[in-house]
Every structure is written in C-alpha cells, then in structure tokens.
Amino acid sequence: MRYFIRISFPLLIAFLLIGAGAKETKLTEGIQPGNLAPEIKLQGVNLNGNGYVLVQFWAAYDPQSRVENTRMHNVISQLRTKNVQLVSISLDENSSVFQGVIKTDHLDEATQFNEPGGKNSEIFKQYRLKAGFNNWLIDSNGVIVAKNVSPAEILDRASL
C-alpha cells in the first residue's frame, strides 16, 4: 500500500500541473460539423440568429440546386416556429438571371442573395463548393451542426 501511495501521489501532482498549464481550446473555421462556419461577406447577410441559420448555395444553371432551393424556401417559410432562418446564396454571375429566378420561383427576396463572382468567388473557395446543391446548418454560436440537411431534418430541428 505504501508503495502505491509513493507512486500515485507524484503522478497525481504531475497530471494536475499538466492540466493547469493547458490552454483553452478554440473552435477552428471549417466546413464540417463542429467547425465555426466561414464568414460570409455579402451585403445584407447576417448569420447571427436566435436559432439556426441554414446557409445554402444554388445557381439557375444547375436545375437540381434551383429545385432544392425552392423546396427549402417553402419548408422554412411555412414553419410555425421561426428558429430556423434561411440564407440562400445564388452563384449566378448574371444578376438579372438571379432576379428573374427569384420572381419566377416566388422566393422571398429577404432570404435570397447573389454572389456574382460565381465559381471564382471567395465564398465558393471558402466553402469548397462543387457542382450541385450544398447547405450547412449553423447554430447561434456560428458552429456548423449539420451539412446537406433535408427538408425533413429542418422540420425536426424546428420542433426543438
């Protein structure tokens, strides 16, 4: 017993000293769940909300992403609880095409934004976008909680 105490006491002291010297860990920016979402620098875009923010990317030249954008817009706009905000970013280089789609698809202009730099934009690079529909669900602390969520997953989150 005495031998155990002689060895374990110094080990305990060493662990306490190591733990006391450890720096506080901070979240890193990235595009995977658990990362801080990359900052989006577009006029009018605000990712600070009281619930979740769904950031999604689409373009008129990509029919599937356009359909998914409209579906997600309709799901979020019909939620009774408003703890999910939509920030939908078009990567159309032609702003008149973007404006035409907004009107044709009956989308709320307050949730739709255009990045005219398209595939050459900083946002495209930061989020490592590829062809097709992509979205990220971000909590009120700016942390990504899910990637490529479906309308059903949005409905589940909204009920929380």
Protein backbone atom coordinates (compact mmCIF):
# COMPACT_ATOMS: atom_id res chain seq x y z
CA MET A 1 0.00 0.00 0.00
CA ARG A 2 2.81 2.37 0.91
CA TYR A 3 4.47 1.63 -2.47
CA PHE A 4 1.20 2.51 -4.25
CA ILE A 5 0.91 5.84 -2.43
CA ARG A 6 4.55 6.74 -3.22
CA ILE A 7 3.96 6.24 -6.97
CA SER A 8 0.39 7.51 -7.32
CA PHE A 9 0.84 10.78 -5.40
CA PRO A 10 3.59 12.15 -7.69
CA LEU A 11 1.59 11.05 -10.74
CA LEU A 12 -1.48 12.88 -9.45
CA ILE A 13 0.56 16.05 -8.91
CA ALA A 14 2.05 15.77 -12.41
CA PHE A 15 -1.42 15.42 -14.02
CA LEU A 16 -2.70 18.42 -12.09
CA LEU A 17 0.24 20.57 -13.20
CA ILE A 18 -0.09 19.48 -16.83
CA GLY A 19 -3.83 20.22 -16.79
CA ALA A 20 -3.29 23.64 -15.22
CA GLY A 21 -0.88 24.63 -17.96
CA ALA A 22 -3.14 23.58 -20.84
CA LYS A 23 -4.51 26.41 -22.93
CA GLU A 24 -8.21 26.76 -23.60
CA THR A 25 -9.05 25.17 -26.95
CA LYS A 26 -10.90 27.22 -29.53
CA LEU A 27 -13.03 26.12 -32.44
CA THR A 28 -11.44 26.32 -35.85
CA GLU A 29 -13.06 27.62 -39.00
CA GLY A 30 -14.03 24.93 -41.48
CA ILE A 31 -16.89 23.31 -43.35
CA GLN A 32 -17.50 20.19 -41.28
CA PRO A 33 -19.94 19.80 -38.36
CA GLY A 34 -18.26 21.08 -35.21
CA ASN A 35 -16.31 23.80 -37.05
CA LEU A 36 -17.03 27.52 -37.00
CA ALA A 37 -18.68 28.42 -40.29
CA PRO A 38 -16.59 30.55 -42.63
CA GLU A 39 -17.65 34.19 -42.60
CA ILE A 40 -19.87 35.26 -45.49
CA LYS A 41 -19.19 38.78 -46.69
CA LEU A 42 -22.25 39.72 -48.73
CA GLN A 43 -24.33 42.82 -48.18
CA GLY A 44 -27.38 42.00 -46.08
CA VAL A 45 -26.24 38.55 -44.96
CA ASN A 46 -26.36 38.04 -41.21
CA LEU A 47 -25.57 34.61 -39.76
CA ASN A 48 -26.26 35.68 -36.18
CA GLY A 49 -29.67 34.49 -35.17
CA ASN A 50 -31.57 33.21 -32.17
CA GLY A 51 -31.76 29.70 -33.52
CA TYR A 52 -30.39 28.02 -36.57
CA VAL A 53 -29.32 29.51 -39.88
CA LEU A 54 -29.48 27.35 -42.98
CA VAL A 55 -26.91 28.57 -45.48
CA GLN A 56 -27.44 27.06 -48.89
CA PHE A 57 -25.89 27.57 -52.28
CA TRP A 58 -27.56 27.25 -55.66
CA ALA A 59 -27.49 28.57 -59.22
CA ALA A 60 -30.02 28.92 -62.02
CA TYR A 61 -27.72 26.98 -64.36
CA ASP A 62 -27.96 23.96 -62.00
CA PRO A 63 -31.62 22.79 -62.21
CA GLN A 64 -31.40 20.40 -59.24
CA SER A 65 -29.98 23.06 -56.92
CA ARG A 66 -32.67 25.51 -58.05
CA VAL A 67 -35.41 22.99 -57.24
CA GLU A 68 -33.86 22.25 -53.84
CA ASN A 69 -33.58 25.97 -53.10
CA THR A 70 -37.30 26.43 -53.77
CA ARG A 71 -38.21 23.36 -51.68
CA MET A 72 -36.14 24.53 -48.71
CA HIS A 73 -37.50 28.07 -49.01
CA ASN A 74 -41.08 26.73 -48.91
CA VAL A 75 -40.40 24.46 -45.91
CA ILE A 76 -38.73 27.17 -43.84
CA SER A 77 -41.27 29.88 -44.74
CA GLN A 78 -44.13 27.64 -43.56
CA LEU A 79 -42.62 26.84 -40.16
CA ARG A 80 -44.73 27.97 -37.24
CA THR A 81 -41.65 28.48 -35.12
CA LYS A 82 -39.09 30.88 -36.51
CA ASN A 83 -35.97 29.31 -35.02
CA VAL A 84 -34.58 28.48 -38.49
CA GLN A 85 -33.51 31.35 -40.75
CA LEU A 86 -32.70 30.84 -44.43
CA VAL A 87 -29.71 32.45 -46.13
CA SER A 88 -29.77 31.26 -49.71
CA ILE A 89 -26.88 32.29 -51.94
CA SER A 90 -27.05 32.13 -55.71
CA LEU A 91 -23.76 31.75 -57.54
CA ASP A 92 -25.17 33.16 -60.78
CA GLU A 93 -22.75 35.62 -62.35
CA ASN A 94 -25.58 37.42 -64.13
CA SER A 95 -27.66 39.31 -61.56
CA SER A 96 -30.60 39.71 -63.95
CA VAL A 97 -30.84 35.89 -64.21
CA PHE A 98 -30.82 35.74 -60.39
CA GLN A 99 -33.56 38.39 -60.14
CA GLY A 100 -35.65 36.59 -62.77
CA VAL A 101 -35.47 33.29 -60.90
CA ILE A 102 -36.45 34.97 -57.61
CA LYS A 103 -39.62 36.33 -59.25
CA THR A 104 -40.43 33.18 -61.24
CA ASP A 105 -39.97 30.85 -58.25
CA HIS A 106 -41.85 33.23 -55.87
CA LEU A 107 -38.96 33.42 -53.40
CA ASP A 108 -38.68 35.89 -50.53
CA GLU A 109 -36.04 38.46 -51.51
CA ALA A 110 -35.08 38.87 -47.84
CA THR A 111 -33.66 35.32 -47.78
CA GLN A 112 -32.04 35.28 -51.24
CA PHE A 113 -28.61 36.73 -52.00
CA ASN A 114 -26.43 36.76 -55.09
CA GLU A 115 -22.68 36.22 -55.29
CA PRO A 116 -21.87 37.49 -58.80
CA GLY A 117 -18.35 36.10 -58.60
CA GLY A 118 -19.83 32.63 -59.04
CA LYS A 119 -17.27 29.84 -59.07
CA ASN A 120 -14.45 32.39 -58.81
CA SER A 121 -15.79 33.95 -55.60
CA GLU A 122 -14.22 33.81 -52.16
CA ILE A 123 -17.37 32.11 -50.81
CA PHE A 124 -17.08 29.32 -53.40
CA LYS A 125 -13.49 28.72 -52.28
CA GLN A 126 -14.14 29.04 -48.51
CA TYR A 127 -16.99 26.52 -48.58
CA ARG A 128 -15.13 24.29 -51.07
CA LEU A 129 -18.20 24.12 -53.27
CA LYS A 130 -18.61 21.80 -56.21
CA ALA A 131 -21.43 21.41 -58.70
CA GLY A 132 -24.78 20.69 -57.13
CA PHE A 133 -26.76 21.72 -54.11
CA ASN A 134 -24.97 22.26 -50.80
CA ASN A 135 -26.16 23.55 -47.45
CA TRP A 136 -24.92 23.98 -43.91
CA LEU A 137 -26.99 24.28 -40.74
CA ILE A 138 -25.33 26.69 -38.32
CA ASP A 139 -26.28 27.31 -34.69
CA SER A 140 -26.50 30.69 -32.95
CA ASN A 141 -22.81 30.46 -31.97
CA GLY A 142 -21.71 30.14 -35.59
CA VAL A 143 -20.92 26.43 -35.27
CA ILE A 144 -21.87 24.07 -38.09
CA VAL A 145 -24.19 21.41 -36.69
CA ALA A 146 -25.09 19.59 -39.92
CA LYS A 147 -24.22 19.51 -43.60
CA ASN A 148 -26.52 18.88 -46.58
CA VAL A 149 -29.68 18.62 -44.50
CA SER A 150 -33.02 17.64 -45.99
CA PRO A 151 -36.35 19.42 -45.51
CA ALA A 152 -37.35 16.64 -43.07
CA GLU A 153 -34.26 17.31 -40.95
CA ILE A 154 -35.12 21.03 -40.91
CA LEU A 155 -38.62 20.20 -39.67
CA ASP A 156 -37.11 18.02 -36.91
CA ARG A 157 -34.74 20.82 -35.81
CA ALA A 158 -37.51 23.41 -35.91
CA SER A 159 -39.59 21.42 -33.44
CA LEU A 160 -36.82 21.60 -30.81
